[in-house]
């Protein structure tokens, strides 16, 4: 198993000793392994939104059933992030990495063979149990294994690798959805590819080392799940819980509704998928842009600035009717949203100590999944009745409220060693 050096050093003082070590092959290997898992996490997150149009047509879904398809995976992800995030504090980060990717691989592959909409919903919930914790455990693990001086940059690098999945799923859908390879619907092949790819990640992660921060604290008494609801963590838990609920209106609101928004504007399913694939290029580009910004701009202000840009570009996308303006505003929205994503995924775990980091990250992040599960039932009827402009107005309001809350109560994070006062 790969290690970070002398285990006794890690146990006697990982916050200082780990931060003093130079970057080496082990750090880059871990970033690659985490990035591979994030690739299929994000593949899953954007898969449902990408194929909503074809599912509605081929499975003859009502608005209620379509909302259920979109919500089902996020309902599972809510439970997965909450439970597995907590278990990562109890049993270790590495073990939970294996559990979550294994669950996702198995049930996504099973979902490809769904005979009806209800079976598909069930497999999406169960796959969501695994994938829901991937980002939470990834954020916690990388924050505890990377030196403080480059922590943000390395996390952003892992997410850049992961976000290559977003245009990949967009272009794969554009190619496969109109086809029936081997007599099997194209959308089913998208699920097969996700499940098999995740299985390969499961194999590749077998020799990942445990977090030295978690190893150093494993002999301490474990705190309870409710510890984050008491002082001194209560205020910060409340802040990040609210932030996570609000941010999904912008981040996942675009990813899950963009195809339907384009169809509402009068574009065909195939053309909508093509336009969406182009705008999805902004996801890896935004994450790539975040790499140099992470160590140059305080996380708090990077989160606020990128969220404000999301609000602006989202409004333009919602009201635009010309194809060039739709593509430009959509691409700029996705670019800004991934600067935001990399920043918030670094900012959140840095804001809590090691003893509750997995629990706090999992609990607050799980609320974003719950919010996303409810979101289609709120925004899809609004889209049908009022149109894209009204939807993106609601999204903008949510993002503005989030920016105000972070500006007022968000902590300063910087590049301090973890658990430093």
Protein backbone atom coordinates (compact mmCIF):
# COMPACT_ATOMS: atom_id res chain seq x y z
CA UNK A 1 0.00 0.00 0.00
CA UNK A 2 1.27 3.50 -0.80
CA UNK A 3 2.21 5.49 2.31
CA UNK A 4 3.23 9.01 3.26
CA UNK A 5 6.42 7.95 4.98
CA UNK A 6 7.05 6.88 8.58
CA UNK A 7 3.73 5.95 10.16
CA UNK A 8 4.98 7.06 13.57
CA UNK A 9 5.59 10.54 12.18
CA UNK A 10 2.01 10.68 10.92
CA UNK A 11 0.71 9.70 14.36
CA UNK A 12 2.82 12.17 16.34
CA UNK A 13 2.11 15.27 14.32
CA UNK A 14 0.54 15.02 10.87
CA UNK A 15 -0.69 18.63 10.62
CA UNK A 16 2.90 19.95 10.73
CA UNK A 17 4.93 17.08 9.28
CA UNK A 18 2.60 16.50 6.34
CA UNK A 19 2.63 20.20 5.44
CA UNK A 20 6.44 20.27 5.57
CA UNK A 21 6.88 17.45 3.04
CA UNK A 22 7.49 18.29 -0.64
CA UNK A 23 5.05 17.18 -3.28
CA UNK A 24 5.94 13.72 -4.55
CA UNK A 25 4.63 10.92 -6.73
CA UNK A 26 2.28 9.71 -4.00
CA UNK A 27 0.41 13.04 -4.00
CA UNK A 28 -0.07 13.05 -7.77
CA UNK A 29 -1.16 9.41 -7.71
CA UNK A 30 -3.81 10.16 -5.09
CA UNK A 31 -5.07 13.16 -7.05
CA UNK A 32 -5.40 10.92 -10.11
CA UNK A 33 -7.24 8.17 -8.19
CA UNK A 34 -9.62 10.66 -6.60
CA UNK A 35 -10.11 12.42 -9.94
CA UNK A 36 -11.08 9.10 -11.57
CA UNK A 37 -13.79 8.56 -8.97
CA UNK A 38 -15.00 12.13 -9.35
CA UNK A 39 -15.20 11.58 -13.11
CA UNK A 40 -17.89 8.94 -12.67
CA UNK A 41 -19.54 10.84 -9.83
CA UNK A 42 -20.03 13.79 -12.17
CA UNK A 43 -20.90 11.50 -15.07
CA UNK A 44 -23.75 10.21 -12.91
CA UNK A 45 -24.84 13.64 -11.71
CA UNK A 46 -25.20 15.02 -15.22
CA UNK A 47 -26.42 11.82 -16.87
CA UNK A 48 -30.05 12.12 -15.77
CA UNK A 49 -30.34 15.76 -16.81
CA UNK A 50 -28.73 14.98 -20.15
CA UNK A 51 -31.13 12.17 -21.11
CA UNK A 52 -34.34 13.62 -19.65
CA UNK A 53 -35.68 14.56 -23.07
CA UNK A 54 -35.22 11.12 -24.59
CA UNK A 55 -36.53 9.36 -21.46
CA UNK A 56 -39.67 11.46 -21.59
CA UNK A 57 -40.21 10.47 -25.24
CA UNK A 58 -39.20 6.79 -25.17
CA UNK A 59 -40.76 5.89 -21.82
CA UNK A 60 -43.77 8.23 -22.30
CA UNK A 61 -43.22 9.90 -18.93
CA UNK A 62 -45.52 12.42 -17.30
CA UNK A 63 -44.03 15.53 -15.71
CA UNK A 64 -44.46 13.85 -12.31
CA UNK A 65 -42.63 10.69 -13.43
CA UNK A 66 -39.85 12.72 -15.04
CA UNK A 67 -39.45 14.65 -11.79
CA UNK A 68 -39.23 11.30 -10.01
CA UNK A 69 -36.42 10.12 -12.30
CA UNK A 70 -34.46 13.31 -11.64
CA UNK A 71 -35.16 13.21 -7.91
CA UNK A 72 -34.55 9.50 -7.27
CA UNK A 73 -30.76 9.52 -7.62
CA UNK A 74 -30.47 12.64 -5.48
CA UNK A 75 -32.63 11.09 -2.76
CA UNK A 76 -30.15 8.20 -2.61
CA UNK A 77 -27.24 10.63 -2.69
CA UNK A 78 -28.69 12.49 0.29
CA UNK A 79 -28.64 9.31 2.37
CA UNK A 80 -25.26 8.25 1.01
CA UNK A 81 -23.56 11.56 1.78
CA UNK A 82 -25.08 11.70 5.26
CA UNK A 83 -24.35 8.11 6.27
CA UNK A 84 -21.08 7.39 4.48
CA UNK A 85 -19.71 10.83 5.36
CA UNK A 86 -20.32 9.96 9.00
CA UNK A 87 -18.86 6.46 8.61
CA UNK A 88 -15.68 7.93 7.11
CA UNK A 89 -15.02 9.55 10.52
CA UNK A 90 -15.58 6.20 12.25
CA UNK A 91 -14.02 3.62 9.89
CA UNK A 92 -11.67 5.72 7.76
CA UNK A 93 -11.72 7.54 4.46
CA UNK A 94 -10.18 4.75 2.37
CA UNK A 95 -12.72 2.09 3.34
CA UNK A 96 -15.63 4.36 2.51
CA UNK A 97 -14.06 5.14 -0.88
CA UNK A 98 -14.37 1.45 -1.72
CA UNK A 99 -17.93 1.16 -0.42
CA UNK A 100 -19.32 4.14 -2.31
CA UNK A 101 -17.73 3.37 -5.69
CA UNK A 102 -18.77 -0.30 -5.42
CA UNK A 103 -22.42 0.61 -4.78
CA UNK A 104 -22.46 3.04 -7.66
CA UNK A 105 -20.86 0.65 -10.16
CA UNK A 106 -23.23 -2.23 -9.39
CA UNK A 107 -26.54 -0.41 -9.36
CA UNK A 108 -25.79 1.88 -12.31
CA UNK A 109 -25.02 -1.18 -14.41
CA UNK A 110 -28.24 -2.79 -13.19
CA UNK A 111 -30.17 0.36 -14.09
CA UNK A 112 -29.18 -0.05 -17.73
CA UNK A 113 -31.48 -3.08 -17.89
CA UNK A 114 -34.51 -1.40 -16.32
CA UNK A 115 -37.77 -2.83 -17.73
CA UNK A 116 -39.86 0.12 -16.54
CA UNK A 117 -39.67 3.55 -14.96
CA UNK A 118 -40.13 2.26 -11.39
CA UNK A 119 -37.22 -0.18 -11.64
CA UNK A 120 -35.09 2.64 -13.06
CA UNK A 121 -36.04 4.90 -10.12
CA UNK A 122 -35.13 2.15 -7.62
CA UNK A 123 -31.70 1.52 -9.15
CA UNK A 124 -31.05 5.27 -9.29
CA UNK A 125 -31.75 5.55 -5.56
CA UNK A 126 -29.41 2.65 -4.75
CA UNK A 127 -26.66 3.91 -7.06
CA UNK A 128 -27.09 7.30 -5.42
CA UNK A 129 -26.26 5.80 -2.02
CA UNK A 130 -22.76 5.16 -3.31
CA UNK A 131 -22.15 8.18 -5.46
CA UNK A 132 -23.59 10.63 -2.92
CA UNK A 133 -20.56 10.29 -0.67
CA UNK A 134 -17.89 10.45 -3.39
CA UNK A 135 -17.40 14.22 -3.30
CA UNK A 136 -17.67 14.40 0.49
CA UNK A 137 -15.04 11.72 1.09
CA UNK A 138 -12.87 13.08 -1.75
CA UNK A 139 -12.87 16.59 -0.29
CA UNK A 140 -12.08 15.29 3.19
CA UNK A 141 -9.40 12.87 2.00
CA UNK A 142 -7.53 15.32 -0.22
CA UNK A 143 -7.68 18.08 2.37
CA UNK A 144 -5.98 15.68 4.82
CA UNK A 145 -3.33 14.29 2.46
CA UNK A 146 -2.15 17.41 0.59
CA UNK A 147 0.25 20.02 2.04
CA UNK A 148 -1.58 23.19 3.05
CA UNK A 149 0.39 25.39 0.64
CA UNK A 150 -0.99 23.53 -2.40
CA UNK A 151 -4.18 22.00 -0.97
CA UNK A 152 -6.57 24.10 -3.03
CA UNK A 153 -4.60 23.63 -6.24
CA UNK A 154 -4.46 19.85 -5.87
CA UNK A 155 -8.17 19.57 -5.06
CA UNK A 156 -8.96 21.73 -8.08
CA UNK A 157 -6.75 19.49 -10.23
CA UNK A 158 -8.66 16.38 -9.10
CA UNK A 159 -11.96 18.10 -9.91
CA UNK A 160 -10.66 19.18 -13.31
CA UNK A 161 -10.04 15.52 -14.11
CA UNK A 162 -13.51 14.72 -12.82
CA UNK A 163 -15.27 17.43 -14.77
CA UNK A 164 -14.04 16.03 -18.05
CA UNK A 165 -17.00 13.70 -17.54
CA UNK A 166 -19.53 16.47 -18.09
CA UNK A 167 -18.76 17.24 -21.75
CA UNK A 168 -18.01 13.52 -22.19
CA UNK A 169 -21.54 12.56 -21.15
CA UNK A 170 -22.92 15.39 -23.27
CA UNK A 171 -21.15 14.28 -26.45
CA UNK A 172 -21.76 10.58 -25.72
CA UNK A 173 -25.47 11.32 -25.36
CA UNK A 174 -25.47 13.34 -28.58
CA UNK A 175 -23.90 10.34 -30.34
CA UNK A 176 -25.66 7.38 -28.69
CA UNK A 177 -29.19 8.61 -28.00
CA UNK A 178 -30.32 8.52 -31.67
CA UNK A 179 -28.80 5.02 -32.10
CA UNK A 180 -29.56 1.48 -30.96
CA UNK A 181 -26.20 -0.37 -30.88
CA UNK A 182 -26.79 -4.15 -30.84
CA UNK A 183 -30.52 -3.40 -30.72
CA UNK A 184 -30.23 -1.71 -27.29
CA UNK A 185 -31.44 1.86 -26.71
CA UNK A 186 -28.60 4.38 -26.73
CA UNK A 187 -29.49 5.81 -23.31
CA UNK A 188 -29.01 2.37 -21.76
CA UNK A 189 -25.45 2.25 -23.11
CA UNK A 190 -24.74 5.46 -21.19
CA UNK A 191 -25.57 3.65 -17.97
CA UNK A 192 -23.46 0.62 -18.96
CA UNK A 193 -20.44 2.81 -19.64
CA UNK A 194 -20.84 4.54 -16.27
CA UNK A 195 -21.14 1.29 -14.34
CA UNK A 196 -18.19 -0.44 -16.03
CA UNK A 197 -15.97 2.63 -15.69
CA UNK A 198 -16.71 2.89 -11.98
CA UNK A 199 -15.86 -0.80 -11.55
CA UNK A 200 -12.41 -0.10 -12.99
CA UNK A 201 -11.95 2.73 -10.47
CA UNK A 202 -12.87 0.30 -7.67
CA UNK A 203 -10.01 -1.98 -8.75
CA UNK A 204 -7.54 0.90 -9.12
CA UNK A 205 -8.25 2.22 -5.60
CA UNK A 206 -7.48 -1.00 -3.73
CA UNK A 207 -4.04 0.20 -2.61
CA UNK A 208 -4.85 3.77 -1.60
CA UNK A 209 -3.34 4.74 1.78
CA UNK A 210 -5.45 5.90 4.68
CA UNK A 211 -5.56 9.59 5.61
CA UNK A 212 -2.68 10.35 8.03
CA UNK A 213 -4.88 12.86 9.86
CA UNK A 214 -7.55 10.20 10.42
CA UNK A 215 -4.91 7.64 11.45
CA UNK A 216 -3.44 10.07 13.96
CA UNK A 217 -6.82 10.64 15.61
CA UNK A 218 -8.24 7.12 15.53
CA UNK A 219 -7.29 6.50 19.15
CA UNK A 220 -9.28 9.53 20.29
CA UNK A 221 -12.86 9.12 21.43
CA UNK A 222 -15.20 9.52 18.46
CA UNK A 223 -17.62 12.40 18.61
CA UNK A 224 -21.33 11.80 18.07
CA UNK A 225 -23.25 12.77 14.96
CA UNK A 226 -25.03 15.50 16.93
CA UNK A 227 -21.72 17.11 17.92
CA UNK A 228 -21.86 19.37 14.86
CA UNK A 229 -25.20 20.75 16.09
CA UNK A 230 -23.66 21.97 19.34
CA UNK A 231 -21.19 24.74 20.12
CA UNK A 232 -18.63 25.55 18.78
CA UNK A 233 -19.76 23.98 15.48
CA UNK A 234 -23.47 24.87 15.44
CA UNK A 235 -23.18 28.27 13.72
CA UNK A 236 -20.84 27.03 11.03
CA UNK A 237 -22.96 23.92 10.45
CA UNK A 238 -26.05 26.09 10.03
CA UNK A 239 -24.26 28.40 7.59
CA UNK A 240 -22.93 25.64 5.35
CA UNK A 241 -26.20 23.72 5.49
CA UNK A 242 -28.02 26.77 4.15
CA UNK A 243 -25.32 27.43 1.55
CA UNK A 244 -25.50 23.84 0.29
CA UNK A 245 -29.29 23.98 -0.04
CA UNK A 246 -29.19 27.25 -2.00
CA UNK A 247 -26.23 26.56 -4.28
CA UNK A 248 -27.91 23.61 -5.98
CA UNK A 249 -30.52 25.90 -7.51
CA UNK A 250 -27.75 27.33 -9.65
CA UNK A 251 -25.32 24.49 -10.02
CA UNK A 252 -27.60 21.47 -10.46
CA UNK A 253 -30.53 23.55 -11.64
CA UNK A 254 -28.67 24.21 -14.86
CA UNK A 255 -27.36 20.66 -15.25
CA UNK A 256 -30.70 18.95 -14.73
CA UNK A 257 -32.96 21.41 -16.56
CA UNK A 258 -30.88 22.78 -19.44
CA UNK A 259 -32.11 20.26 -22.03
CA UNK A 260 -35.73 20.84 -21.05
CA UNK A 261 -35.19 24.59 -21.10
CA UNK A 262 -33.82 24.39 -24.65
CA UNK A 263 -36.75 22.22 -25.72
CA UNK A 264 -39.10 24.79 -24.19
CA UNK A 265 -37.38 27.39 -26.38
CA UNK A 266 -38.34 25.29 -29.43
CA UNK A 267 -35.22 23.22 -30.14
CA UNK A 268 -35.41 19.48 -30.93
CA UNK A 269 -34.05 16.85 -28.53
CA UNK A 270 -31.04 16.12 -30.75
CA UNK A 271 -30.21 19.80 -31.29
CA UNK A 272 -30.66 20.49 -27.58
CA UNK A 273 -28.18 17.73 -26.74
CA UNK A 274 -25.71 19.19 -29.24
CA UNK A 275 -25.98 22.70 -27.80
CA UNK A 276 -25.78 21.33 -24.28
CA UNK A 277 -22.61 19.35 -25.08
CA UNK A 278 -20.96 22.59 -26.25
CA UNK A 279 -21.94 24.52 -23.11
CA UNK A 280 -20.71 21.58 -20.99
CA UNK A 281 -17.17 22.34 -22.19
CA UNK A 282 -17.26 25.16 -19.66
CA UNK A 283 -17.18 22.67 -16.78
CA UNK A 284 -13.62 21.35 -17.23
CA UNK A 285 -12.44 24.75 -18.48
CA UNK A 286 -13.82 26.44 -15.36
CA UNK A 287 -12.18 23.86 -13.14
CA UNK A 288 -8.90 24.34 -15.01
CA UNK A 289 -9.20 28.09 -14.48
CA UNK A 290 -9.72 27.50 -10.78
CA UNK A 291 -6.33 25.77 -10.35
CA UNK A 292 -4.21 28.97 -10.39
CA UNK A 293 -6.94 30.97 -8.63
CA UNK A 294 -7.24 28.66 -5.62
CA UNK A 295 -3.94 29.71 -4.03
CA UNK A 296 -4.14 33.35 -5.12
CA UNK A 297 -7.66 34.27 -3.97
CA UNK A 298 -9.09 33.63 -0.52
CA UNK A 299 -11.62 30.77 -0.81
CA UNK A 300 -14.45 32.82 0.69
CA UNK A 301 -14.17 35.57 -1.90
CA UNK A 302 -13.65 33.13 -4.76
CA UNK A 303 -16.91 31.38 -3.78
CA UNK A 304 -18.77 34.68 -3.61
CA UNK A 305 -17.43 36.11 -6.88
CA UNK A 306 -18.01 32.98 -8.95
CA UNK A 307 -21.54 32.55 -7.58
CA UNK A 308 -22.36 36.15 -8.51
CA UNK A 309 -21.20 35.47 -12.08
CA UNK A 310 -23.38 32.35 -12.19
CA UNK A 311 -26.39 34.50 -11.29
CA UNK A 312 -25.68 36.95 -14.14
CA UNK A 313 -24.99 34.37 -16.86
CA UNK A 314 -27.92 32.20 -15.72
CA UNK A 315 -30.35 35.07 -16.21
CA UNK A 316 -29.01 35.69 -19.71
CA UNK A 317 -29.34 31.98 -20.59
CA UNK A 318 -32.89 31.87 -19.25
CA UNK A 319 -34.14 34.78 -21.35
CA UNK A 320 -31.97 34.31 -24.47
CA UNK A 321 -33.55 33.05 -27.71
CA UNK A 322 -30.69 33.43 -30.22
CA UNK A 323 -28.44 30.38 -30.52
CA UNK A 324 -25.11 32.29 -30.22
CA UNK A 325 -26.26 34.02 -27.03
CA UNK A 326 -27.56 30.74 -25.60
CA UNK A 327 -24.22 29.01 -26.26
CA UNK A 328 -22.08 31.88 -24.94
CA UNK A 329 -24.14 32.48 -21.79
CA UNK A 330 -24.44 28.74 -21.14
CA UNK A 331 -20.71 28.23 -21.57
CA UNK A 332 -19.86 31.18 -19.30
CA UNK A 333 -22.36 29.91 -16.72
CA UNK A 334 -20.76 26.47 -16.62
CA UNK A 335 -17.27 28.00 -16.52
CA UNK A 336 -18.14 30.21 -13.54
CA UNK A 337 -19.99 27.37 -11.83
CA UNK A 338 -16.90 25.21 -11.78
CA UNK A 339 -14.68 27.88 -10.35
CA UNK A 340 -17.38 28.02 -7.68
CA UNK A 341 -17.49 24.24 -7.33
CA UNK A 342 -13.74 23.80 -6.83
CA UNK A 343 -13.68 26.65 -4.33
CA UNK A 344 -16.62 25.41 -2.24
CA UNK A 345 -15.31 21.82 -2.21
CA UNK A 346 -12.06 23.12 -0.72
CA UNK A 347 -13.65 25.73 1.54
CA UNK A 348 -16.14 23.39 3.26
CA UNK A 349 -13.78 20.73 4.70
CA UNK A 350 -11.20 23.36 5.64
CA UNK A 351 -13.81 24.99 7.85
CA UNK A 352 -14.12 22.03 10.27
CA UNK A 353 -11.54 20.12 12.37
CA UNK A 354 -10.48 16.54 11.65
CA UNK A 355 -12.60 15.05 14.44
CA UNK A 356 -15.85 16.09 12.72
CA UNK A 357 -14.69 16.87 9.17
CA UNK A 358 -16.28 13.85 7.49
CA UNK A 359 -19.46 14.12 9.55
CA UNK A 360 -19.86 17.88 8.99
CA UNK A 361 -19.00 17.72 5.29
CA UNK A 362 -21.30 14.74 4.75
CA UNK A 363 -24.23 16.18 6.70
CA UNK A 364 -24.14 19.63 5.13
CA UNK A 365 -23.39 18.32 1.64
CA UNK A 366 -26.22 15.77 1.94
CA UNK A 367 -28.67 18.64 2.23
CA UNK A 368 -27.66 19.74 -1.26
CA UNK A 369 -28.78 16.35 -2.51
CA UNK A 370 -32.09 16.62 -0.66
CA UNK A 371 -32.60 20.08 -2.11
CA UNK A 372 -31.79 18.77 -5.58
CA UNK A 373 -34.25 15.90 -5.14
CA UNK A 374 -37.04 18.38 -4.34
CA UNK A 375 -35.96 20.87 -7.00
CA UNK A 376 -37.52 19.17 -10.08
CA UNK A 377 -40.94 19.14 -8.40
CA UNK A 378 -40.63 22.91 -7.92
CA UNK A 379 -38.89 24.01 -11.12
CA UNK A 380 -40.36 21.68 -13.76
CA UNK A 381 -43.97 22.84 -13.17
CA UNK A 382 -42.70 26.43 -13.10
CA UNK A 383 -40.91 25.83 -16.42
CA UNK A 384 -44.10 24.41 -17.96
CA UNK A 385 -46.28 27.26 -16.71
CA UNK A 386 -44.01 30.33 -16.72
CA UNK A 387 -41.07 29.48 -18.98
CA UNK A 388 -37.26 29.54 -18.64
CA UNK A 389 -37.09 33.20 -17.59
CA UNK A 390 -39.07 32.57 -14.41
CA UNK A 391 -36.96 29.49 -13.59
CA UNK A 392 -33.67 31.35 -13.87
CA UNK A 393 -35.05 34.30 -11.91
CA UNK A 394 -35.65 31.92 -8.98
CA UNK A 395 -32.16 30.48 -9.45
CA UNK A 396 -30.66 33.99 -9.37
CA UNK A 397 -32.47 34.91 -6.16
CA UNK A 398 -31.17 31.74 -4.46
CA UNK A 399 -27.59 32.49 -5.53
CA UNK A 400 -27.76 36.11 -4.36
CA UNK A 401 -29.03 35.05 -0.93
CA UNK A 402 -26.19 32.53 -0.69
CA UNK A 403 -23.56 35.17 -1.55
CA UNK A 404 -24.93 37.49 1.15
CA UNK A 405 -24.83 34.75 3.80
CA UNK A 406 -21.23 33.79 3.01
CA UNK A 407 -20.19 37.43 2.94
CA UNK A 408 -21.68 38.02 6.38
CA UNK A 409 -20.82 34.80 8.25
CA UNK A 410 -18.36 32.80 6.13
CA UNK A 411 -14.98 32.09 7.81
CA UNK A 412 -11.63 33.02 6.31
CA UNK A 413 -9.89 29.82 5.23
CA UNK A 414 -6.64 30.59 3.42
CA UNK A 415 -3.81 28.08 3.31
CA UNK A 416 -3.43 27.34 7.02
CA UNK A 417 -2.59 23.81 8.23
CA UNK A 418 -5.72 21.79 9.05
CA UNK A 419 -6.91 22.12 12.67
CA UNK A 420 -4.83 25.28 13.13
CA UNK A 421 -6.51 27.97 15.20
